[in-house]
Amino acid sequence: MIKSNITLFEGLLHRAFDRFYEDLIKNTYVEEFLKGVDLDHLKQAQLASFLAAVYDEDAAFFARFKQLGLFHFKMGLPYVEYRGAFDTLYTFLIDELEGVSDIKGLPDAIELYVRKAINASAAGYLEPSLDNDQKTLERQIKQQIGIPAVIEHLEWILEVIKDIRVMNPDARIEFDEHLCMCGSWLHSEELVKFIPDPMVRKDMLDTHHEIHLITKNIYRSIRREDYHKIFIDYIMLVRQSMYLYNELNINVTQQTLIDDVSKDALTGLLNRRDLMEILSSEIRLHSLIGTLFCVVMFDLDHFKSVNDTCGHQDGDTVIIGMAETLSKHLRKTDHIFRYGGEEFLAILPGTTAEEAFGICEKIRTCFENRTWEGCIISTPVTVSIGIAEYSERLRDNPRHLVFEADMNLYRAKQLGRNRTVM
């Protein structure tokens, strides 16, 4: 239908692109993604590509827009913003049809074109996400210490990733949440020893249940080759799985592996033993006087390469350096924790997310420019940061606030590391 109206479609596309780029340059959010980009050249190149796609066979069309999605993924543009841009362009195209006669069937054809382009673009976002997450999961499995149910769950997600990668609709994983090892363990009496709070256990069971429901939806979408739906559900699967993984580690590993002391021996910072108590105190204070506060997660980038290249003693030097940087830039009233390994956490009372962002950027820049000695000089050392501001919806489960900070930290890593995300 579009081919037989190509002259009309070309005019519509030109006018829609003009409006789209006028709208784009006013968007302060995407401004950082467009620094140094020749917008006129980009506009003409994309316009030519959108027109050429009309004549593509299905496979070529898919490859073209998959590459466009991958291009924007590498730019660091979140998928929700990319999808929103496509929706805006589609709205402009339909608007430009107003008053045009003899267009029977063309609006439906344009809608199909845009829907196919979004679906292919989602595949461009999905592929590198699978690559990154597979590496992360494999590393976490190696680092996991003796909790079989956690290891099994991580391996379970790896199998899902493998099936998505080849678009295999015949699942190699156990769908029944009661039959997988993690589900069986979550229902066992053994878990009560580690997690006596029934509300926390229920939250874990609910999260595990949701993970299995999301996964079933992913396999349904694989059958339909609906990459957009696969990607949206996959991101939810990763979020919920990381939340469950963190909850199990916080509750189980803390009980079995962390010394019953308040201070970390290496850095002198608080350890996780008092984290939930302090977090609950801040929530009570908020409920009394409405004071805002934030939780911030810090993770040293490529820290393993410091240990591997320079040795664990220099690795300890970097960890101490990070602790000193945090202590220097944060207030006496802030709570600073060594969360584990190369991860740190801070609770900032009386601080909004925007204020925390400014503080964290100073910390990030200061740490990046810190002067090192010996082997560390030749090893880039930076930090990625995730911020979460408390809101009333998190009142009944403060761990969700830590989870949200951790997910923003995950986004900072995905966007290239050495940055702050809130």
Protein backbone atom coordinates (compact mmCIF):
# COMPACT_ATOMS: atom_id res chain seq x y z
CA MET A 1 0.00 0.00 0.00
CA ILE A 2 2.83 2.43 0.86
CA LYS A 3 4.72 1.54 -2.36
CA SER A 4 1.72 2.51 -4.48
CA ASN A 5 1.56 5.85 -2.64
CA ILE A 6 5.31 6.44 -2.35
CA THR A 7 5.22 10.08 -3.49
CA LEU A 8 2.52 10.89 -0.95
CA PHE A 9 4.34 8.90 1.77
CA GLU A 10 7.63 10.68 1.02
CA GLY A 11 5.94 14.07 1.48
CA LEU A 12 4.30 12.90 4.72
CA LEU A 13 7.61 11.55 6.00
CA HIS A 14 9.48 14.78 5.18
CA ARG A 15 6.96 16.92 7.06
CA ALA A 16 6.74 14.47 9.98
CA PHE A 17 10.56 14.36 10.27
CA ASP A 18 10.70 18.18 10.26
CA ARG A 19 8.27 18.29 13.17
CA PHE A 20 9.98 15.37 14.90
CA TYR A 21 13.43 17.01 14.87
CA GLU A 22 12.00 20.37 15.94
CA ASP A 23 10.46 18.54 18.89
CA LEU A 24 13.69 16.58 19.51
CA ILE A 25 15.98 19.61 19.94
CA LYS A 26 13.61 20.99 22.59
CA ASN A 27 13.89 17.80 24.66
CA THR A 28 16.44 18.52 27.41
CA TYR A 29 16.59 14.84 28.38
CA VAL A 30 17.98 13.69 25.01
CA GLU A 31 20.31 16.68 24.74
CA GLU A 32 23.25 14.76 26.27
CA PHE A 33 22.81 11.94 23.75
CA LEU A 34 23.03 14.38 20.83
CA LYS A 35 26.21 16.21 21.85
CA GLY A 36 28.55 16.48 18.85
CA VAL A 37 25.95 14.99 16.48
CA ASP A 38 25.30 16.69 13.13
CA LEU A 39 21.50 16.70 13.43
CA ASP A 40 20.87 17.74 9.83
CA HIS A 41 23.03 14.91 8.51
CA LEU A 42 21.37 12.44 10.92
CA LYS A 43 17.92 13.60 9.86
CA GLN A 44 18.66 13.20 6.14
CA ALA A 45 20.29 9.79 6.66
CA GLN A 46 17.35 8.47 8.70
CA LEU A 47 14.82 9.92 6.27
CA ALA A 48 16.57 8.15 3.38
CA SER A 49 16.67 4.91 5.36
CA PHE A 50 12.96 5.09 6.27
CA LEU A 51 12.09 5.60 2.59
CA ALA A 52 14.39 2.81 1.40
CA ALA A 53 12.81 0.45 3.94
CA VAL A 54 9.52 0.64 2.01
CA TYR A 55 11.12 -1.51 -0.72
CA ASP A 56 12.85 -3.95 1.66
CA GLU A 57 11.89 -7.60 1.86
CA ASP A 58 10.92 -8.68 5.39
CA ALA A 59 14.41 -9.90 6.37
CA ALA A 60 16.14 -6.75 5.10
CA PHE A 61 13.54 -4.53 6.79
CA PHE A 62 14.07 -6.34 10.08
CA ALA A 63 17.88 -6.09 9.80
CA ARG A 64 17.69 -2.35 8.99
CA PHE A 65 15.67 -1.41 12.07
CA LYS A 66 17.43 -3.89 14.32
CA GLN A 67 20.63 -2.03 13.46
CA LEU A 68 18.90 1.28 14.24
CA GLY A 69 17.89 -0.05 17.66
CA LEU A 70 21.44 -1.29 18.31
CA PHE A 71 22.81 2.13 17.32
CA HIS A 72 20.62 3.87 19.91
CA PHE A 73 21.43 1.23 22.54
CA LYS A 74 25.13 1.98 22.08
CA MET A 75 24.34 5.69 22.42
CA GLY A 76 22.90 4.84 25.84
CA LEU A 77 19.36 5.98 25.00
CA PRO A 78 16.88 4.02 27.17
CA TYR A 79 14.44 1.88 25.20
CA VAL A 80 11.43 3.66 26.69
CA GLU A 81 12.73 6.95 25.22
CA TYR A 82 13.45 5.31 21.86
CA ARG A 83 9.96 3.78 21.75
CA GLY A 84 8.46 7.11 22.77
CA ALA A 85 10.26 8.81 19.87
CA PHE A 86 8.75 6.30 17.43
CA ASP A 87 5.29 6.92 18.87
CA THR A 88 5.79 10.66 18.39
CA LEU A 89 6.90 10.17 14.78
CA TYR A 90 3.86 7.98 14.12
CA THR A 91 1.55 10.64 15.60
CA PHE A 92 3.09 13.27 13.31
CA LEU A 93 2.64 11.00 10.27
CA ILE A 94 -1.05 10.45 11.03
CA ASP A 95 -1.50 14.18 11.72
CA GLU A 96 -0.05 14.98 8.30
CA LEU A 97 -2.68 12.72 6.68
CA GLU A 98 -5.43 15.08 7.85
CA GLY A 99 -7.05 16.74 4.88
CA VAL A 100 -5.38 14.42 2.35
CA SER A 101 -7.85 12.70 0.05
CA ASP A 102 -7.61 9.25 -1.50
CA ILE A 103 -5.78 7.63 1.41
CA LYS A 104 -7.88 4.50 1.86
CA GLY A 105 -5.75 1.85 3.53
CA LEU A 106 -2.70 4.10 3.93
CA PRO A 107 -3.15 4.82 7.70
CA ASP A 108 -3.28 1.06 8.38
CA ALA A 109 -0.21 0.51 6.21
CA ILE A 110 1.71 3.23 8.05
CA GLU A 111 0.70 1.74 11.41
CA LEU A 112 1.94 -1.70 10.28
CA TYR A 113 5.22 -0.17 9.03
CA VAL A 114 5.85 1.56 12.38
CA ARG A 115 4.86 -1.52 14.41
CA LYS A 116 7.28 -3.71 12.41
CA ALA A 117 10.04 -1.10 12.77
CA ILE A 118 9.56 -0.93 16.56
CA ASN A 119 9.59 -4.73 16.81
CA ALA A 120 12.85 -4.99 14.86
CA SER A 121 14.39 -2.13 16.88
CA ALA A 122 13.56 -3.96 20.10
CA ALA A 123 15.67 -6.87 18.80
CA GLY A 124 18.56 -4.40 18.48
CA TYR A 125 18.18 -3.48 22.15
CA LEU A 126 17.61 -7.07 23.24
CA GLU A 127 20.73 -8.70 21.77
CA PRO A 128 23.41 -6.66 23.61
CA SER A 129 21.34 -6.78 26.80
CA LEU A 130 21.42 -10.57 26.66
CA ASP A 131 25.20 -10.48 26.10
CA ASN A 132 25.81 -8.16 29.06
CA ASP A 133 23.47 -10.00 31.42
CA GLN A 134 24.89 -13.41 30.53
CA LYS A 135 28.39 -12.24 31.48
CA THR A 136 27.07 -10.76 34.74
CA LEU A 137 25.20 -13.94 35.66
CA GLU A 138 28.18 -16.17 34.88
CA ARG A 139 30.33 -14.00 37.13
CA GLN A 140 27.75 -14.07 39.93
CA ILE A 141 27.54 -17.88 39.72
CA LYS A 142 31.32 -18.13 40.16
CA GLN A 143 31.23 -15.73 43.12
CA GLN A 144 28.25 -17.36 44.83
CA ILE A 145 29.22 -19.12 48.04
CA GLY A 146 27.40 -22.34 48.82
CA ILE A 147 23.73 -21.37 48.41
CA PRO A 148 22.53 -24.03 45.90
CA ALA A 149 19.07 -22.47 45.44
CA VAL A 150 20.60 -19.13 44.42
CA ILE A 151 23.04 -20.81 42.03
CA GLU A 152 20.20 -22.85 40.51
CA HIS A 153 18.10 -19.70 40.02
CA LEU A 154 20.95 -17.88 38.26
CA GLU A 155 21.55 -20.90 36.01
CA TRP A 156 17.78 -21.01 35.33
CA ILE A 157 17.89 -17.40 34.06
CA LEU A 158 20.92 -18.27 31.92
CA GLU A 159 18.87 -20.98 30.21
CA VAL A 160 16.09 -18.45 29.52
CA ILE A 161 18.68 -16.10 27.98
CA LYS A 162 19.95 -18.91 25.73
CA ASP A 163 16.41 -19.66 24.54
CA ILE A 164 15.68 -15.99 23.84
CA ARG A 165 18.94 -15.65 21.93
CA VAL A 166 17.93 -18.36 19.42
CA MET A 167 14.17 -17.63 19.71
CA ASN A 168 13.49 -21.16 20.95
CA PRO A 169 9.82 -21.43 22.08
CA ASP A 170 10.35 -24.91 23.57
CA ALA A 171 11.52 -24.08 27.08
CA ARG A 172 14.47 -25.92 28.57
CA ILE A 173 13.56 -24.68 32.04
CA GLU A 174 11.09 -25.81 34.72
CA PHE A 175 7.96 -23.62 34.51
CA ASP A 176 6.36 -24.95 37.70
CA GLU A 177 7.56 -22.63 40.47
CA HIS A 178 7.11 -25.36 43.09
CA LEU A 179 9.33 -27.85 41.29
CA CYS A 180 12.40 -25.72 40.62
CA MET A 181 15.09 -25.91 43.33
CA CYS A 182 14.73 -22.25 44.27
CA GLY A 183 10.95 -22.57 44.70
CA SER A 184 11.30 -25.73 46.79
CA TRP A 185 13.86 -24.04 49.04
CA LEU A 186 11.73 -20.91 49.45
CA HIS A 187 8.91 -23.15 50.76
CA SER A 188 11.19 -25.14 53.07
CA GLU A 189 11.68 -24.93 56.83
CA GLU A 190 15.38 -24.31 56.26
CA LEU A 191 14.62 -20.80 54.98
CA VAL A 192 12.93 -19.91 58.28
CA LYS A 193 16.31 -20.32 60.06
CA PHE A 194 17.83 -17.63 57.87
CA ILE A 195 14.78 -15.41 57.42
CA PRO A 196 12.49 -15.54 60.45
CA ASP A 197 10.34 -12.58 59.32
CA PRO A 198 7.24 -14.09 57.59
CA MET A 199 6.58 -10.86 55.63
CA VAL A 200 10.05 -10.98 54.10
CA ARG A 201 9.59 -14.66 53.20
CA LYS A 202 6.19 -13.90 51.62
CA ASP A 203 7.76 -11.08 49.59
CA MET A 204 10.38 -13.51 48.26
CA LEU A 205 7.74 -16.10 47.36
CA ASP A 206 5.65 -13.46 45.57
CA THR A 207 8.71 -12.28 43.64
CA HIS A 208 9.59 -15.85 42.66
CA HIS A 209 5.98 -16.44 41.54
CA GLU A 210 6.10 -13.30 39.38
CA ILE A 211 9.42 -14.38 37.82
CA HIS A 212 7.80 -17.62 36.62
CA LEU A 213 4.73 -15.78 35.24
CA ILE A 214 6.92 -13.29 33.35
CA THR A 215 8.99 -16.14 31.92
CA LYS A 216 5.89 -17.92 30.61
CA ASN A 217 4.91 -14.69 28.85
CA ILE A 218 8.37 -14.45 27.27
CA TYR A 219 8.03 -17.89 25.70
CA ARG A 220 4.55 -17.00 24.38
CA SER A 221 6.07 -13.88 22.79
CA ILE A 222 8.91 -15.95 21.29
CA ARG A 223 6.27 -18.00 19.44
CA ARG A 224 4.81 -14.78 18.02
CA GLU A 225 8.29 -13.30 17.32
CA ASP A 226 7.17 -10.24 19.30
CA TYR A 227 10.58 -8.76 20.17
CA HIS A 228 9.06 -5.64 21.73
CA LYS A 229 7.07 -7.69 24.25
CA ILE A 230 10.02 -10.05 24.81
CA PHE A 231 12.30 -7.13 25.63
CA ILE A 232 9.82 -5.44 27.99
CA ASP A 233 9.19 -8.72 29.85
CA TYR A 234 12.88 -9.60 29.83
CA ILE A 235 13.78 -6.32 31.57
CA MET A 236 11.13 -7.10 34.20
CA LEU A 237 12.53 -10.62 34.55
CA VAL A 238 16.03 -9.24 35.17
CA ARG A 239 14.75 -6.66 37.67
CA GLN A 240 12.76 -9.20 39.67
CA SER A 241 15.54 -11.81 39.51
CA MET A 242 18.16 -9.33 40.71
CA TYR A 243 15.83 -8.29 43.51
CA LEU A 244 15.37 -11.91 44.61
CA TYR A 245 19.11 -12.55 44.28
CA ASN A 246 19.93 -9.49 46.41
CA GLU A 247 17.31 -10.36 49.02
CA LEU A 248 18.64 -13.88 49.42
CA ASN A 249 22.20 -12.62 49.64
CA ILE A 250 21.35 -9.90 52.15
CA ASN A 251 19.38 -12.26 54.39
CA VAL A 252 21.20 -15.56 53.98
CA THR A 253 24.80 -14.54 53.33
CA GLN A 254 24.61 -11.95 56.09
CA GLN A 255 23.53 -14.61 58.56
CA THR A 256 26.20 -17.11 57.59
CA LEU A 257 29.23 -15.17 56.42
CA ILE A 258 29.34 -11.67 57.88
CA ASP A 259 30.90 -11.17 61.30
CA ASP A 260 28.61 -9.97 64.01
CA VAL A 261 30.25 -6.57 64.25
CA SER A 262 29.10 -3.09 63.30
CA LYS A 263 32.29 -1.90 61.60
CA ASP A 264 34.02 -3.19 58.50
CA ALA A 265 37.56 -4.21 59.49
CA LEU A 266 39.28 -2.85 56.35
CA THR A 267 37.60 0.54 55.92
CA GLY A 268 36.15 1.36 59.34
CA LEU A 269 32.76 1.99 57.68
CA LEU A 270 29.53 0.45 58.88
CA ASN A 271 28.76 -3.03 57.58
CA ARG A 272 25.34 -4.35 56.55
CA ARG A 273 24.47 -5.59 60.03
CA ASP A 274 22.81 -2.32 61.00
CA LEU A 275 21.55 -1.32 57.55
CA MET A 276 17.89 -2.31 57.93
CA GLU A 277 17.64 -0.82 61.41
CA ILE A 278 19.03 2.55 60.25
CA LEU A 279 16.85 2.46 57.13
CA SER A 280 13.76 1.75 59.21
CA SER A 281 14.66 4.68 61.52
CA GLU A 282 14.82 7.04 58.53
CA ILE A 283 11.41 5.78 57.37
CA ARG A 284 9.93 6.40 60.84
CA LEU A 285 11.42 9.91 60.81
CA HIS A 286 9.88 10.53 57.39
CA SER A 287 6.45 9.43 58.63
CA LEU A 288 6.72 11.83 61.59
CA ILE A 289 8.04 15.00 59.94
CA GLY A 290 8.11 14.25 56.20
CA THR A 291 11.91 14.38 55.85
CA LEU A 292 13.13 13.09 52.48
CA PHE A 293 16.13 10.82 52.20
CA CYS A 294 18.00 8.80 49.57
CA VAL A 295 19.83 5.51 49.36
CA VAL A 296 22.89 5.46 47.10
CA MET A 297 24.76 2.42 45.80
CA PHE A 298 28.41 2.68 44.67
CA ASP A 299 30.30 -0.03 42.77
CA LEU A 300 33.94 0.17 41.66
CA ASP A 301 34.30 -0.35 37.91
CA HIS A 302 36.51 -3.19 36.64
CA PHE A 303 37.74 -3.82 40.19
CA LYS A 304 38.57 -7.42 39.35
CA SER A 305 41.21 -6.20 36.87
CA VAL A 306 42.90 -4.27 39.72
CA ASN A 307 43.13 -7.43 41.81
CA ASP A 308 44.21 -9.54 38.83
CA THR A 309 46.81 -7.04 37.57
CA CYS A 310 48.11 -5.46 40.75
CA GLY A 311 47.23 -7.94 43.48
CA HIS A 312 44.83 -7.95 46.40
CA GLN A 313 46.91 -5.56 48.50
CA ASP A 314 46.52 -2.85 45.87
CA GLY A 315 42.87 -3.86 45.60
CA ASP A 316 42.51 -3.13 49.31
CA THR A 317 44.21 0.23 48.73
CA VAL A 318 41.55 1.12 46.14
CA ILE A 319 38.73 0.07 48.51
CA ILE A 320 40.23 2.18 51.31
CA GLY A 321 40.60 5.07 48.85
CA MET A 322 36.92 4.86 47.98
CA ALA A 323 35.99 4.79 51.67
CA GLU A 324 38.12 7.91 52.24
CA THR A 325 36.49 9.68 49.28
CA LEU A 326 33.03 8.92 50.62
CA SER A 327 33.93 10.03 54.14
CA LYS A 328 35.40 13.27 52.79
CA HIS A 329 32.37 14.28 50.70
CA LEU A 330 29.51 13.01 52.85
CA ARG A 331 28.27 14.56 56.09
CA LYS A 332 28.64 13.29 59.64
CA THR A 333 24.87 12.71 59.64
CA ASP A 334 25.06 10.42 56.58
CA HIS A 335 25.42 6.67 57.06
CA ILE A 336 28.14 4.99 54.97
CA PHE A 337 28.35 1.20 54.62
CA ARG A 338 30.75 -1.14 52.98
CA TYR A 339 28.03 -3.23 51.39
CA GLY A 340 30.28 -6.07 50.29
CA GLY A 341 33.41 -6.54 48.18
CA GLU A 342 33.79 -3.43 46.01
CA GLU A 343 30.23 -2.19 46.72
CA PHE A 344 29.34 0.66 49.09
CA LEU A 345 26.00 2.06 50.21
CA ALA A 346 25.09 5.40 51.74
CA ILE A 347 21.90 6.68 53.36
CA LEU A 348 21.59 10.46 52.97
CA PRO A 349 18.98 11.96 55.36
CA GLY A 350 17.22 15.19 54.37
CA THR A 351 18.37 14.86 50.76
CA THR A 352 16.37 14.79 47.51
CA ALA A 353 17.43 12.71 44.50
CA GLU A 354 18.54 15.88 42.67
CA GLU A 355 20.67 16.97 45.64
CA ALA A 356 22.10 13.46 45.97
CA PHE A 357 22.97 13.50 42.26
CA GLY A 358 25.09 16.65 42.70
CA ILE A 359 26.88 15.15 45.72
CA CYS A 360 27.50 11.85 43.93
CA GLU A 361 28.88 13.53 40.84
CA LYS A 362 31.45 15.28 43.04
CA ILE A 363 32.34 11.92 44.62
CA ARG A 364 32.57 10.24 41.22
CA THR A 365 34.79 12.98 39.74
CA CYS A 366 37.01 13.16 42.82
CA PHE A 367 37.53 9.39 42.82
CA GLU A 368 38.22 9.33 39.07
CA ASN A 369 40.90 12.02 39.51
CA ARG A 370 42.42 10.54 42.65
CA THR A 371 46.19 10.10 42.55
CA TRP A 372 47.41 6.54 42.95
CA GLU A 373 50.83 4.99 43.32
CA GLY A 374 52.54 1.89 41.94
CA CYS A 375 50.70 -0.54 39.72
CA ILE A 376 47.31 1.17 40.17
CA ILE A 377 48.51 4.16 38.09
CA SER A 378 48.22 2.07 34.91
CA THR A 379 44.80 0.64 35.80
CA PRO A 380 41.78 2.96 35.28
CA VAL A 381 39.77 3.14 38.51
CA THR A 382 36.27 4.67 38.42
CA VAL A 383 32.95 4.22 40.19
CA SER A 384 29.34 3.74 39.00
CA ILE A 385 26.53 5.10 41.17
CA GLY A 386 22.79 4.45 41.51
CA ILE A 387 20.40 6.70 43.50
CA ALA A 388 16.91 5.99 44.84
CA GLU A 389 14.76 8.50 46.71
CA TYR A 390 12.35 7.21 49.37
CA SER A 391 8.65 7.40 48.60
CA GLU A 392 5.64 6.37 50.65
CA ARG A 393 4.94 3.29 48.48
CA LEU A 394 8.16 1.75 49.88
CA ARG A 395 7.16 2.16 53.53
CA ASP A 396 6.27 -1.49 54.17
CA ASN A 397 9.42 -2.92 52.62
CA PRO A 398 12.51 -0.71 52.93
CA ARG A 399 14.56 -3.33 51.08
CA HIS A 400 12.81 -2.23 47.89
CA LEU A 401 14.58 1.12 48.24
CA VAL A 402 17.95 -0.65 48.25
CA PHE A 403 16.76 -2.67 45.26
CA GLU A 404 15.82 0.47 43.31
CA ALA A 405 19.20 2.05 44.04
CA ASP A 406 20.84 -1.19 42.89
CA MET A 407 18.81 -1.21 39.66
CA ASN A 408 19.91 2.36 38.91
CA LEU A 409 23.47 1.25 39.59
CA TYR A 410 22.84 -1.58 37.10
CA ARG A 411 21.67 1.02 34.55
CA ALA A 412 24.83 3.08 35.15
CA LYS A 413 26.89 -0.02 34.35
CA GLN A 414 24.82 -0.73 31.24
CA LEU A 415 25.25 2.86 30.01
CA GLY A 416 29.04 2.57 30.07
CA ARG A 417 30.10 2.83 33.75
CA ASN A 418 31.70 5.84 35.50
CA ARG A 419 28.39 7.69 35.78
CA THR A 420 25.52 8.44 38.16
CA VAL A 421 21.92 7.36 37.48
CA MET A 422 18.86 8.30 39.52
